[in-house]
Amino acid sequence: MGAVVGVVALVVALVGFLVTLGNAGYLAMLSSAAKKRGLSGESTMEYVKGQRALAGGLAVVGLLGLLIVLGSGPVGDVFGLLLAGGSGLAGYRALNSTRERFRGSS
């Protein structure tokens, strides 16, 4: 039973961490595009600067959860699963919020 919990915790932690990295990557992409637009991309840059700390914090928490899952027993697996899974969920919501904000009107 412990091995099943470990595998599930590893998968959830890995996916959660990757989602937080996706959110940070999307913000980096927006930042790059806004820099190319110059003054017309200033409002996007302001938004990205505000969200950058949240994305970085979520990625750190996701990595911490993944590391806990990789190096612990069943109790650590559950704790790491909760950390990484929670950060992944928060990262997913932040990513969707950002995408909706900048989605084109086409």
PDB file of N, CA and C in Angstrom:
ATOM      1  N   MET A   1       0.822  -1.200   0.000  1.00  0.00           N
ATOM      2  CA  MET A   1       0.000   0.000   0.000  1.00  0.00           C
ATOM      3  C   MET A   1       0.863   1.260   0.000  1.00  0.00           C
ATOM      4  N   GLY A   2       2.006   1.209   0.699  1.00  0.00           N
ATOM      5  CA  GLY A   2       2.889   2.362   0.768  1.00  0.00           C
ATOM      6  C   GLY A   2       3.485   2.715  -0.580  1.00  0.00           C
ATOM      7  N   ALA A   3       3.750   1.676  -1.385  1.00  0.00           N
ATOM      8  CA  ALA A   3       4.328   1.931  -2.708  1.00  0.00           C
ATOM      9  C   ALA A   3       3.327   2.640  -3.617  1.00  0.00           C
ATOM     10  N   VAL A   4       2.057   2.281  -3.494  1.00  0.00           N
ATOM     11  CA  VAL A   4       1.016   2.921  -4.310  1.00  0.00           C
ATOM     12  C   VAL A   4       0.894   4.387  -3.924  1.00  0.00           C
ATOM     13  N   VAL A   5       0.910   4.659  -2.627  1.00  0.00           N
ATOM     14  CA  VAL A   5       0.834   6.044  -2.163  1.00  0.00           C
ATOM     15  C   VAL A   5       2.046   6.825  -2.680  1.00  0.00           C
ATOM     16  N   GLY A   6       3.215   6.208  -2.645  1.00  0.00           N
ATOM     17  CA  GLY A   6       4.423   6.868  -3.122  1.00  0.00           C
ATOM     18  C   GLY A   6       4.367   7.203  -4.596  1.00  0.00           C
ATOM     19  N   VAL A   7       3.873   6.283  -5.400  1.00  0.00           N
ATOM     20  CA  VAL A   7       3.789   6.519  -6.850  1.00  0.00           C
ATOM     21  C   VAL A   7       2.763   7.607  -7.158  1.00  0.00           C
ATOM     22  N   VAL A   8       1.617   7.543  -6.504  1.00  0.00           N
ATOM     23  CA  VAL A   8       0.587   8.565  -6.727  1.00  0.00           C
ATOM     24  C   VAL A   8       1.099   9.928  -6.279  1.00  0.00           C
ATOM     25  N   ALA A   9       1.760   9.971  -5.132  1.00  0.00           N
ATOM     26  CA  ALA A   9       2.301  11.233  -4.630  1.00  0.00           C
ATOM     27  C   ALA A   9       3.349  11.785  -5.587  1.00  0.00           C
ATOM     28  N   LEU A  10       4.182  10.922  -6.137  1.00  0.00           N
ATOM     29  CA  LEU A  10       5.211  11.365  -7.083  1.00  0.00           C
ATOM     30  C   LEU A  10       4.584  11.954  -8.346  1.00  0.00           C
ATOM     31  N   VAL A  11       3.583  11.289  -8.877  1.00  0.00           N
ATOM     32  CA  VAL A  11       2.933  11.778 -10.100  1.00  0.00           C
ATOM     33  C   VAL A  11       2.253  13.121  -9.848  1.00  0.00           C
ATOM     34  N   VAL A  12       1.519  13.226  -8.739  1.00  0.00           N
ATOM     35  CA  VAL A  12       0.821  14.478  -8.429  1.00  0.00           C
ATOM     36  C   VAL A  12       1.826  15.598  -8.186  1.00  0.00           C
ATOM     37  N   ALA A  13       2.893  15.304  -7.455  1.00  0.00           N
ATOM     38  CA  ALA A  13       3.902  16.327  -7.162  1.00  0.00           C
ATOM     39  C   ALA A  13       4.601  16.780  -8.437  1.00  0.00           C
ATOM     40  N   LEU A  14       4.917  15.851  -9.309  1.00  0.00           N
ATOM     41  CA  LEU A  14       5.590  16.202 -10.560  1.00  0.00           C
ATOM     42  C   LEU A  14       4.691  17.048 -11.448  1.00  0.00           C
ATOM     43  N   VAL A  15       3.440  16.662 -11.570  1.00  0.00           N
ATOM     44  CA  VAL A  15       2.495  17.443 -12.390  1.00  0.00           C
ATOM     45  C   VAL A  15       2.278  18.822 -11.780  1.00  0.00           C
ATOM     46  N   GLY A  16       2.135  18.878 -10.463  1.00  0.00           N
ATOM     47  CA  GLY A  16       1.956  20.171  -9.800  1.00  0.00           C
ATOM     48  C   GLY A  16       3.131  21.099 -10.029  1.00  0.00           C
ATOM     49  N   PHE A  17       4.336  20.558  -9.932  1.00  0.00           N
ATOM     50  CA  PHE A  17       5.530  21.370 -10.164  1.00  0.00           C
ATOM     51  C   PHE A  17       5.600  21.842 -11.614  1.00  0.00           C
ATOM     52  N   LEU A  18       5.283  20.966 -12.547  1.00  0.00           N
ATOM     53  CA  LEU A  18       5.316  21.349 -13.963  1.00  0.00           C
ATOM     54  C   LEU A  18       4.284  22.421 -14.289  1.00  0.00           C
ATOM     55  N   VAL A  19       3.129  22.366 -13.644  1.00  0.00           N
ATOM     56  CA  VAL A  19       2.104  23.395 -13.866  1.00  0.00           C
ATOM     57  C   VAL A  19       2.596  24.747 -13.367  1.00  0.00           C
ATOM     58  N   THR A  20       3.252  24.757 -12.201  1.00  0.00           N
ATOM     59  CA  THR A  20       3.768  26.033 -11.698  1.00  0.00           C
ATOM     60  C   THR A  20       4.855  26.580 -12.619  1.00  0.00           C
ATOM     61  N   LEU A  21       5.669  25.701 -13.185  1.00  0.00           N
ATOM     62  CA  LEU A  21       6.665  26.151 -14.153  1.00  0.00           C
ATOM     63  C   LEU A  21       6.003  26.676 -15.425  1.00  0.00           C
ATOM     64  N   GLY A  22       4.900  26.069 -15.823  1.00  0.00           N
ATOM     65  CA  GLY A  22       4.160  26.553 -16.990  1.00  0.00           C
ATOM     66  C   GLY A  22       3.629  27.959 -16.775  1.00  0.00           C
ATOM     67  N   ASN A  23       3.129  28.218 -15.577  1.00  0.00           N
ATOM     68  CA  ASN A  23       2.638  29.554 -15.251  1.00  0.00           C
ATOM     69  C   ASN A  23       3.778  30.571 -15.315  1.00  0.00           C
ATOM     70  N   ALA A  24       4.922  30.234 -14.730  1.00  0.00           N
ATOM     71  CA  ALA A  24       6.075  31.139 -14.762  1.00  0.00           C
ATOM     72  C   ALA A  24       6.567  31.348 -16.200  1.00  0.00           C
ATOM     73  N   GLY A  25       6.560  30.302 -16.994  1.00  0.00           N
ATOM     74  CA  GLY A  25       6.972  30.413 -18.386  1.00  0.00           C
ATOM     75  C   GLY A  25       6.042  31.287 -19.204  1.00  0.00           C
ATOM     76  N   TYR A  26       4.748  31.168 -18.951  1.00  0.00           N
ATOM     77  CA  TYR A  26       3.777  31.994 -19.667  1.00  0.00           C
ATOM     78  C   TYR A  26       3.972  33.467 -19.328  1.00  0.00           C
ATOM     79  N   LEU A  27       4.245  33.751 -18.052  1.00  0.00           N
ATOM     80  CA  LEU A  27       4.507  35.138 -17.662  1.00  0.00           C
ATOM     81  C   LEU A  27       5.790  35.657 -18.317  1.00  0.00           C
ATOM     82  N   ALA A  28       6.794  34.802 -18.429  1.00  0.00           N
ATOM     83  CA  ALA A  28       8.037  35.206 -19.095  1.00  0.00           C
ATOM     84  C   ALA A  28       7.781  35.503 -20.572  1.00  0.00           C
ATOM     85  N   MET A  29       6.942  34.700 -21.201  1.00  0.00           N
ATOM     86  CA  MET A  29       6.600  34.930 -22.597  1.00  0.00           C
ATOM     87  C   MET A  29       5.854  36.256 -22.772  1.00  0.00           C
ATOM     88  N   LEU A  30       4.909  36.532 -21.869  1.00  0.00           N
ATOM     89  CA  LEU A  30       4.193  37.803 -21.934  1.00  0.00           C
ATOM     90  C   LEU A  30       5.141  38.980 -21.730  1.00  0.00           C
ATOM     91  N   SER A  31       6.070  38.828 -20.813  1.00  0.00           N
ATOM     92  CA  SER A  31       7.038  39.887 -20.544  1.00  0.00           C
ATOM     93  C   SER A  31       7.889  40.168 -21.779  1.00  0.00           C
ATOM     94  N   SER A  32       8.333  39.134 -22.431  1.00  0.00           N
ATOM     95  CA  SER A  32       9.139  39.292 -23.633  1.00  0.00           C
ATOM     96  C   SER A  32       8.353  39.994 -24.738  1.00  0.00           C
ATOM     97  N   ALA A  33       7.110  39.587 -24.921  1.00  0.00           N
ATOM     98  CA  ALA A  33       6.283  40.218 -25.947  1.00  0.00           C
ATOM     99  C   ALA A  33       5.994  41.675 -25.612  1.00  0.00           C
ATOM    100  N   ALA A  34       5.794  41.974 -24.335  1.00  0.00           N
ATOM    101  CA  ALA A  34       5.498  43.348 -23.933  1.00  0.00           C
ATOM    102  C   ALA A  34       6.715  44.243 -24.117  1.00  0.00           C
ATOM    103  N   LYS A  35       7.906  43.714 -23.883  1.00  0.00           N
ATOM    104  CA  LYS A  35       9.125  44.504 -24.084  1.00  0.00           C
ATOM    105  C   LYS A  35       9.297  44.871 -25.549  1.00  0.00           C
ATOM    106  N   LYS A  36       8.929  43.974 -26.436  1.00  0.00           N
ATOM    107  CA  LYS A  36       9.051  44.239 -27.869  1.00  0.00           C
ATOM    108  C   LYS A  36       8.076  45.322 -28.332  1.00  0.00           C
ATOM    109  N   ARG A  37       6.960  45.456 -27.629  1.00  0.00           N
ATOM    110  CA  ARG A  37       5.950  46.444 -28.029  1.00  0.00           C
ATOM    111  C   ARG A  37       6.269  47.836 -27.520  1.00  0.00           C
ATOM    112  N   GLY A  38       7.214  47.949 -26.627  1.00  0.00           N
ATOM    113  CA  GLY A  38       7.596  49.266 -26.116  1.00  0.00           C
ATOM    114  C   GLY A  38       6.552  49.846 -25.181  1.00  0.00           C
ATOM    115  N   LEU A  39       6.196  51.119 -25.418  1.00  0.00           N
ATOM    116  CA  LEU A  39       5.248  51.797 -24.534  1.00  0.00           C
ATOM    117  C   LEU A  39       3.858  51.179 -24.577  1.00  0.00           C
ATOM    118  N   SER A  40       3.476  50.618 -25.693  1.00  0.00           N
ATOM    119  CA  SER A  40       2.134  50.040 -25.770  1.00  0.00           C
ATOM    120  C   SER A  40       2.015  48.753 -24.955  1.00  0.00           C
ATOM    121  N   GLY A  41       3.137  48.155 -24.554  1.00  0.00           N
ATOM    122  CA  GLY A  41       3.097  46.952 -23.729  1.00  0.00           C
ATOM    123  C   GLY A  41       3.315  47.228 -22.256  1.00  0.00           C
ATOM    124  N   GLU A  42       3.262  48.511 -21.879  1.00  0.00           N
ATOM    125  CA  GLU A  42       3.554  48.895 -20.496  1.00  0.00           C
ATOM    126  C   GLU A  42       2.559  48.308 -19.491  1.00  0.00           C
ATOM    127  N   SER A  43       1.274  48.271 -19.827  1.00  0.00           N
ATOM    128  CA  SER A  43       0.294  47.730 -18.879  1.00  0.00           C
ATOM    129  C   SER A  43       0.508  46.222 -18.682  1.00  0.00           C
ATOM    130  N   THR A  44       0.905  45.543 -19.733  1.00  0.00           N
ATOM    131  CA  THR A  44       1.206  44.117 -19.609  1.00  0.00           C
ATOM    132  C   THR A  44       2.419  43.904 -18.723  1.00  0.00           C
ATOM    133  N   MET A  45       3.433  44.739 -18.873  1.00  0.00           N
ATOM    134  CA  MET A  45       4.622  44.635 -18.029  1.00  0.00           C
ATOM    135  C   MET A  45       4.283  44.867 -16.564  1.00  0.00           C
ATOM    136  N   GLU A  46       3.415  45.813 -16.296  1.00  0.00           N
ATOM    137  CA  GLU A  46       2.992  46.072 -14.909  1.00  0.00           C
ATOM    138  C   GLU A  46       2.313  44.833 -14.323  1.00  0.00           C
ATOM    139  N   TYR A  47       1.446  44.217 -15.093  1.00  0.00           N
ATOM    140  CA  TYR A  47       0.753  43.022 -14.624  1.00  0.00           C
ATOM    141  C   TYR A  47       1.739  41.884 -14.374  1.00  0.00           C
ATOM    142  N   VAL A  48       2.663  41.677 -15.298  1.00  0.00           N
ATOM    143  CA  VAL A  48       3.630  40.587 -15.173  1.00  0.00           C
ATOM    144  C   VAL A  48       4.520  40.800 -13.956  1.00  0.00           C
ATOM    145  N   LYS A  49       4.942  42.019 -13.724  1.00  0.00           N
ATOM    146  CA  LYS A  49       5.774  42.310 -12.555  1.00  0.00           C
ATOM    147  C   LYS A  49       5.025  41.987 -11.266  1.00  0.00           C
ATOM    148  N   GLY A  50       3.737  42.248 -11.243  1.00  0.00           N
ATOM    149  CA  GLY A  50       2.940  41.938 -10.061  1.00  0.00           C
ATOM    150  C   GLY A  50       2.745  40.449  -9.849  1.00  0.00           C
ATOM    151  N   GLN A  51       2.697  39.694 -10.921  1.00  0.00           N
ATOM    152  CA  GLN A  51       2.445  38.255 -10.828  1.00  0.00           C
ATOM    153  C   GLN A  51       3.721  37.426 -10.702  1.00  0.00           C
ATOM    154  N   ARG A  52       4.865  38.031 -10.980  1.00  0.00           N
ATOM    155  CA  ARG A  52       6.125  37.295 -10.998  1.00  0.00           C
ATOM    156  C   ARG A  52       6.462  36.686  -9.638  1.00  0.00           C
ATOM    157  N   ALA A  53       6.244  37.419  -8.562  1.00  0.00           N
ATOM    158  CA  ALA A  53       6.557  36.911  -7.222  1.00  0.00           C
ATOM    159  C   ALA A  53       5.664  35.718  -6.871  1.00  0.00           C
ATOM    160  N   LEU A  54       4.396  35.805  -7.224  1.00  0.00           N
ATOM    161  CA  LEU A  54       3.479  34.696  -6.959  1.00  0.00           C
ATOM    162  C   LEU A  54       3.900  33.453  -7.729  1.00  0.00           C
ATOM    163  N   ALA A  55       4.227  33.614  -8.995  1.00  0.00           N
ATOM    164  CA  ALA A  55       4.639  32.473  -9.819  1.00  0.00           C
ATOM    165  C   ALA A  55       5.923  31.847  -9.285  1.00  0.00           C
ATOM    166  N   GLY A  56       6.870  32.668  -8.881  1.00  0.00           N
ATOM    167  CA  GLY A  56       8.117  32.150  -8.321  1.00  0.00           C
ATOM    168  C   GLY A  56       7.893  31.428  -7.005  1.00  0.00           C
ATOM    169  N   GLY A  57       7.057  31.995  -6.156  1.00  0.00           N
ATOM    170  CA  GLY A  57       6.745  31.350  -4.879  1.00  0.00           C
ATOM    171  C   GLY A  57       6.048  30.013  -5.061  1.00  0.00           C
ATOM    172  N   LEU A  58       5.124  29.960  -6.001  1.00  0.00           N
ATOM    173  CA  LEU A  58       4.432  28.699  -6.266  1.00  0.00           C
ATOM    174  C   LEU A  58       5.384  27.645  -6.811  1.00  0.00           C
ATOM    175  N   ALA A  59       6.316  28.065  -7.654  1.00  0.00           N
ATOM    176  CA  ALA A  59       7.296  27.118  -8.189  1.00  0.00           C
ATOM    177  C   ALA A  59       8.206  26.586  -7.088  1.00  0.00           C
ATOM    178  N   VAL A  60       8.591  27.433  -6.154  1.00  0.00           N
ATOM    179  CA  VAL A  60       9.429  26.991  -5.035  1.00  0.00           C
ATOM    180  C   VAL A  60       8.678  26.010  -4.150  1.00  0.00           C
ATOM    181  N   VAL A  61       7.422  26.306  -3.857  1.00  0.00           N
ATOM    182  CA  VAL A  61       6.624  25.391  -3.033  1.00  0.00           C
ATOM    183  C   VAL A  61       6.407  24.067  -3.762  1.00  0.00           C
ATOM    184  N   GLY A  62       6.171  24.122  -5.054  1.00  0.00           N
ATOM    185  CA  GLY A  62       6.018  22.892  -5.834  1.00  0.00           C
ATOM    186  C   GLY A  62       7.287  22.059  -5.841  1.00  0.00           C
ATOM    187  N   LEU A  63       8.428  22.710  -5.979  1.00  0.00           N
ATOM    188  CA  LEU A  63       9.706  22.003  -5.940  1.00  0.00           C
ATOM    189  C   LEU A  63       9.954  21.405  -4.564  1.00  0.00           C
ATOM    190  N   LEU A  64       9.637  22.144  -3.521  1.00  0.00           N
ATOM    191  CA  LEU A  64       9.789  21.636  -2.162  1.00  0.00           C
ATOM    192  C   LEU A  64       8.927  20.389  -1.947  1.00  0.00           C
ATOM    193  N   GLY A  65       7.684  20.445  -2.405  1.00  0.00           N
ATOM    194  CA  GLY A  65       6.810  19.277  -2.297  1.00  0.00           C
ATOM    195  C   GLY A  65       7.351  18.086  -3.064  1.00  0.00           C
ATOM    196  N   LEU A  66       7.877  18.326  -4.251  1.00  0.00           N
ATOM    197  CA  LEU A  66       8.453  17.249  -5.052  1.00  0.00           C
ATOM    198  C   LEU A  66       9.672  16.647  -4.358  1.00  0.00           C
ATOM    199  N   LEU A  67      10.515  17.483  -3.795  1.00  0.00           N
ATOM    200  CA  LEU A  67      11.693  16.981  -3.094  1.00  0.00           C
ATOM    201  C   LEU A  67      11.311  16.185  -1.842  1.00  0.00           C
ATOM    202  N   ILE A  68      10.275  16.612  -1.151  1.00  0.00           N
ATOM    203  CA  ILE A  68       9.805  15.866   0.022  1.00  0.00           C
ATOM    204  C   ILE A  68       9.299  14.496  -0.399  1.00  0.00           C
ATOM    205  N   VAL A  69       8.561  14.435  -1.487  1.00  0.00           N
ATOM    206  CA  VAL A  69       8.056  13.151  -1.975  1.00  0.00           C
ATOM    207  C   VAL A  69       9.203  12.233  -2.374  1.00  0.00           C
ATOM    208  N   LEU A  70      10.225  12.785  -2.988  1.00  0.00           N
ATOM    209  CA  LEU A  70      11.341  11.969  -3.464  1.00  0.00           C
ATOM    210  C   LEU A  70      12.193  11.403  -2.329  1.00  0.00           C
ATOM    211  N   GLY A  71      12.213  12.079  -1.181  1.00  0.00           N
ATOM    212  CA  GLY A  71      13.132  11.643  -0.148  1.00  0.00           C
ATOM    213  C   GLY A  71      12.510  11.303   1.182  1.00  0.00           C
ATOM    214  N   SER A  72      11.334  10.721   1.205  1.00  0.00           N
ATOM    215  CA  SER A  72      10.704  10.455   2.494  1.00  0.00           C
ATOM    216  C   SER A  72       9.818   9.210   2.435  1.00  0.00           C
ATOM    217  N   GLY A  73       9.225   8.903   3.576  1.00  0.00           N
ATOM    218  CA  GLY A  73       8.319   7.762   3.695  1.00  0.00           C
ATOM    219  C   GLY A  73       6.889   8.156   3.404  1.00  0.00           C
ATOM    220  N   PRO A  74       5.950   7.333   3.799  1.00  0.00           N
ATOM    221  CA  PRO A  74       4.532   7.570   3.488  1.00  0.00           C
ATOM    222  C   PRO A  74       3.976   8.879   4.052  1.00  0.00           C
ATOM    223  N   VAL A  75       4.396   9.250   5.257  1.00  0.00           N
ATOM    224  CA  VAL A  75       3.894  10.503   5.832  1.00  0.00           C
ATOM    225  C   VAL A  75       4.423  11.692   5.025  1.00  0.00           C
ATOM    226  N   GLY A  76       5.688  11.648   4.664  1.00  0.00           N
ATOM    227  CA  GLY A  76       6.266  12.700   3.829  1.00  0.00           C
ATOM    228  C   GLY A  76       5.655  12.729   2.446  1.00  0.00           C
ATOM    229  N   ASP A  77       5.309  11.548   1.930  1.00  0.00           N
ATOM    230  CA  ASP A  77       4.663  11.488   0.618  1.00  0.00           C
ATOM    231  C   ASP A  77       3.356  12.266   0.617  1.00  0.00           C
ATOM    232  N   VAL A  78       2.562  12.071   1.664  1.00  0.00           N
ATOM    233  CA  VAL A  78       1.273  12.760   1.748  1.00  0.00           C
ATOM    234  C   VAL A  78       1.489  14.259   1.915  1.00  0.00           C
ATOM    235  N   PHE A  79       2.444  14.642   2.762  1.00  0.00           N
ATOM    236  CA  PHE A  79       2.728  16.057   2.972  1.00  0.00           C
ATOM    237  C   PHE A  79       3.238  16.716   1.682  1.00  0.00           C
ATOM    238  N   GLY A  80       4.163  16.047   1.002  1.00  0.00           N
ATOM    239  CA  GLY A  80       4.676  16.575  -0.259  1.00  0.00           C
ATOM    240  C   GLY A  80       3.605  16.643  -1.325  1.00  0.00           C
ATOM    241  N   LEU A  81       2.720  15.639  -1.343  1.00  0.00           N
ATOM    242  CA  LEU A  81       1.602  15.637  -2.293  1.00  0.00           C
ATOM    243  C   LEU A  81       0.722  16.858  -2.061  1.00  0.00           C
ATOM    244  N   LEU A  82       0.422  17.146  -0.806  1.00  0.00           N
ATOM    245  CA  LEU A  82      -0.419  18.301  -0.505  1.00  0.00           C
ATOM    246  C   LEU A  82       0.262  19.613  -0.895  1.00  0.00           C
ATOM    247  N   LEU A  83       1.556  19.723  -0.606  1.00  0.00           N
ATOM    248  CA  LEU A  83       2.275  20.950  -0.978  1.00  0.00           C
ATOM    249  C   LEU A  83       2.327  21.145  -2.490  1.00  0.00           C
ATOM    250  N   ALA A  84       2.824  20.141  -3.187  1.00  0.00           N
ATOM    251  CA  ALA A  84       2.986  20.265  -4.634  1.00  0.00           C
ATOM    252  C   ALA A  84       1.643  20.303  -5.354  1.00  0.00           C
ATOM    253  N   GLY A  85       0.694  19.509  -4.897  1.00  0.00           N
ATOM    254  CA  GLY A  85      -0.631  19.525  -5.512  1.00  0.00           C
ATOM    255  C   GLY A  85      -1.337  20.851  -5.309  1.00  0.00           C
ATOM    256  N   GLY A  86      -1.211  21.412  -4.108  1.00  0.00           N
ATOM    257  CA  GLY A  86      -1.818  22.716  -3.832  1.00  0.00           C
ATOM    258  C   GLY A  86      -1.186  23.827  -4.643  1.00  0.00           C
ATOM    259  N   SER A  87       0.138  23.795  -4.745  1.00  0.00           N
ATOM    260  CA  SER A  87       0.799  24.828  -5.546  1.00  0.00           C
ATOM    261  C   SER A  87       0.465  24.663  -7.024  1.00  0.00           C
ATOM    262  N   GLY A  88       0.333  23.426  -7.471  1.00  0.00           N
ATOM    263  CA  GLY A  88      -0.059  23.189  -8.858  1.00  0.00           C
ATOM    264  C   GLY A  88      -1.455  23.705  -9.152  1.00  0.00           C
ATOM    265  N   LEU A  89      -2.368  23.490  -8.215  1.00  0.00           N
ATOM    266  CA  LEU A  89      -3.731  23.987  -8.390  1.00  0.00           C
ATOM    267  C   LEU A  89      -3.752  25.510  -8.414  1.00  0.00           C
ATOM    268  N   ALA A  90      -3.004  26.135  -7.504  1.00  0.00           N
ATOM    269  CA  ALA A  90      -2.941  27.596  -7.483  1.00  0.00           C
ATOM    270  C   ALA A  90      -2.277  28.125  -8.763  1.00  0.00           C
ATOM    271  N   GLY A  91      -1.236  27.434  -9.228  1.00  0.00           N
ATOM    272  CA  GLY A  91      -0.582  27.837 -10.473  1.00  0.00           C
ATOM    273  C   GLY A  91      -1.506  27.708 -11.672  1.00  0.00           C
ATOM    274  N   TYR A  92      -2.308  26.645 -11.684  1.00  0.00           N
ATOM    275  CA  TYR A  92      -3.266  26.448 -12.776  1.00  0.00           C
ATOM    276  C   TYR A  92      -4.308  27.569 -12.788  1.00  0.00           C
ATOM    277  N   ARG A  93      -4.796  27.930 -11.623  1.00  0.00           N
ATOM    278  CA  ARG A  93      -5.780  29.013 -11.552  1.00  0.00           C
ATOM    279  C   ARG A  93      -5.176  30.349 -11.971  1.00  0.00           C
ATOM    280  N   ALA A  94      -3.932  30.599 -11.544  1.00  0.00           N
ATOM    281  CA  ALA A  94      -3.262  31.845 -11.937  1.00  0.00           C
ATOM    282  C   ALA A  94      -3.014  31.881 -13.442  1.00  0.00           C
ATOM    283  N   LEU A  95      -2.626  30.745 -14.011  1.00  0.00           N
ATOM    284  CA  LEU A  95      -2.408  30.673 -15.453  1.00  0.00           C
ATOM    285  C   LEU A  95      -3.694  30.930 -16.214  1.00  0.00           C
ATOM    286  N   ASN A  96      -4.784  30.326 -15.797  1.00  0.00           N
ATOM    287  CA  ASN A  96      -6.067  30.559 -16.464  1.00  0.00           C
ATOM    288  C   ASN A  96      -6.515  32.008 -16.333  1.00  0.00           C
ATOM    289  N   SER A  97      -6.294  32.590 -15.169  1.00  0.00           N
ATOM    290  CA  SER A  97      -6.661  33.985 -14.965  1.00  0.00           C
ATOM    291  C   SER A  97      -5.866  34.899 -15.897  1.00  0.00           C
ATOM    292  N   THR A  98      -4.586  34.626 -16.036  1.00  0.00           N
ATOM    293  CA  THR A  98      -3.742  35.427 -16.924  1.00  0.00           C
ATOM    294  C   THR A  98      -4.151  35.245 -18.382  1.00  0.00           C
ATOM    295  N   ARG A  99      -4.414  34.004 -18.762  1.00  0.00           N
ATOM    296  CA  ARG A  99      -4.821  33.743 -20.147  1.00  0.00           C
ATOM    297  C   ARG A  99      -6.134  34.433 -20.471  1.00  0.00           C
ATOM    298  N   GLU A 100      -7.095  34.419 -19.557  1.00  0.00           N
ATOM    299  CA  GLU A 100      -8.380  35.086 -19.805  1.00  0.00           C
ATOM    300  C   GLU A 100      -8.203  36.587 -19.911  1.00  0.00           C
ATOM    301  N   ARG A 101      -7.292  37.129 -19.127  1.00  0.00           N
ATOM    302  CA  ARG A 101      -7.070  38.583 -19.151  1.00  0.00           C
ATOM    303  C   ARG A 101      -6.515  39.040 -20.487  1.00  0.00           C
ATOM    304  N   PHE A 102      -5.630  38.238 -21.096  1.00  0.00           N
ATOM    305  CA  PHE A 102      -4.975  38.671 -22.332  1.00  0.00           C
ATOM    306  C   PHE A 102      -5.459  37.940 -23.564  1.00  0.00           C
ATOM    307  N   ARG A 103      -6.530  37.224 -23.463  1.00  0.00           N
ATOM    308  CA  ARG A 103      -7.069  36.502 -24.625  1.00  0.00           C
ATOM    309  C   ARG A 103      -7.567  37.506 -25.654  1.00  0.00           C
ATOM    310  N   GLY A 104      -7.323  37.225 -26.899  1.00  0.00           N
ATOM    311  CA  GLY A 104      -7.752  38.103 -27.983  1.00  0.00           C
ATOM    312  C   GLY A 104      -9.261  38.105 -28.134  1.00  0.00           C
ATOM    313  N   SER A 105      -9.788  39.118 -28.759  1.00  0.00           N
ATOM    314  CA  SER A 105     -11.234  39.241 -28.937  1.00  0.00           C
ATOM    315  C   SER A 105     -11.715  38.597 -30.229  1.00  0.00           C
ATOM    316  N   SER A 106     -10.920  37.730 -30.828  1.00  0.00           N
ATOM    317  CA  SER A 106     -11.309  37.118 -32.095  1.00  0.00           C
ATOM    318  C   SER A 106     -12.243  35.954 -31.904  1.00  0.00           C
TER     319      SER A 106
END
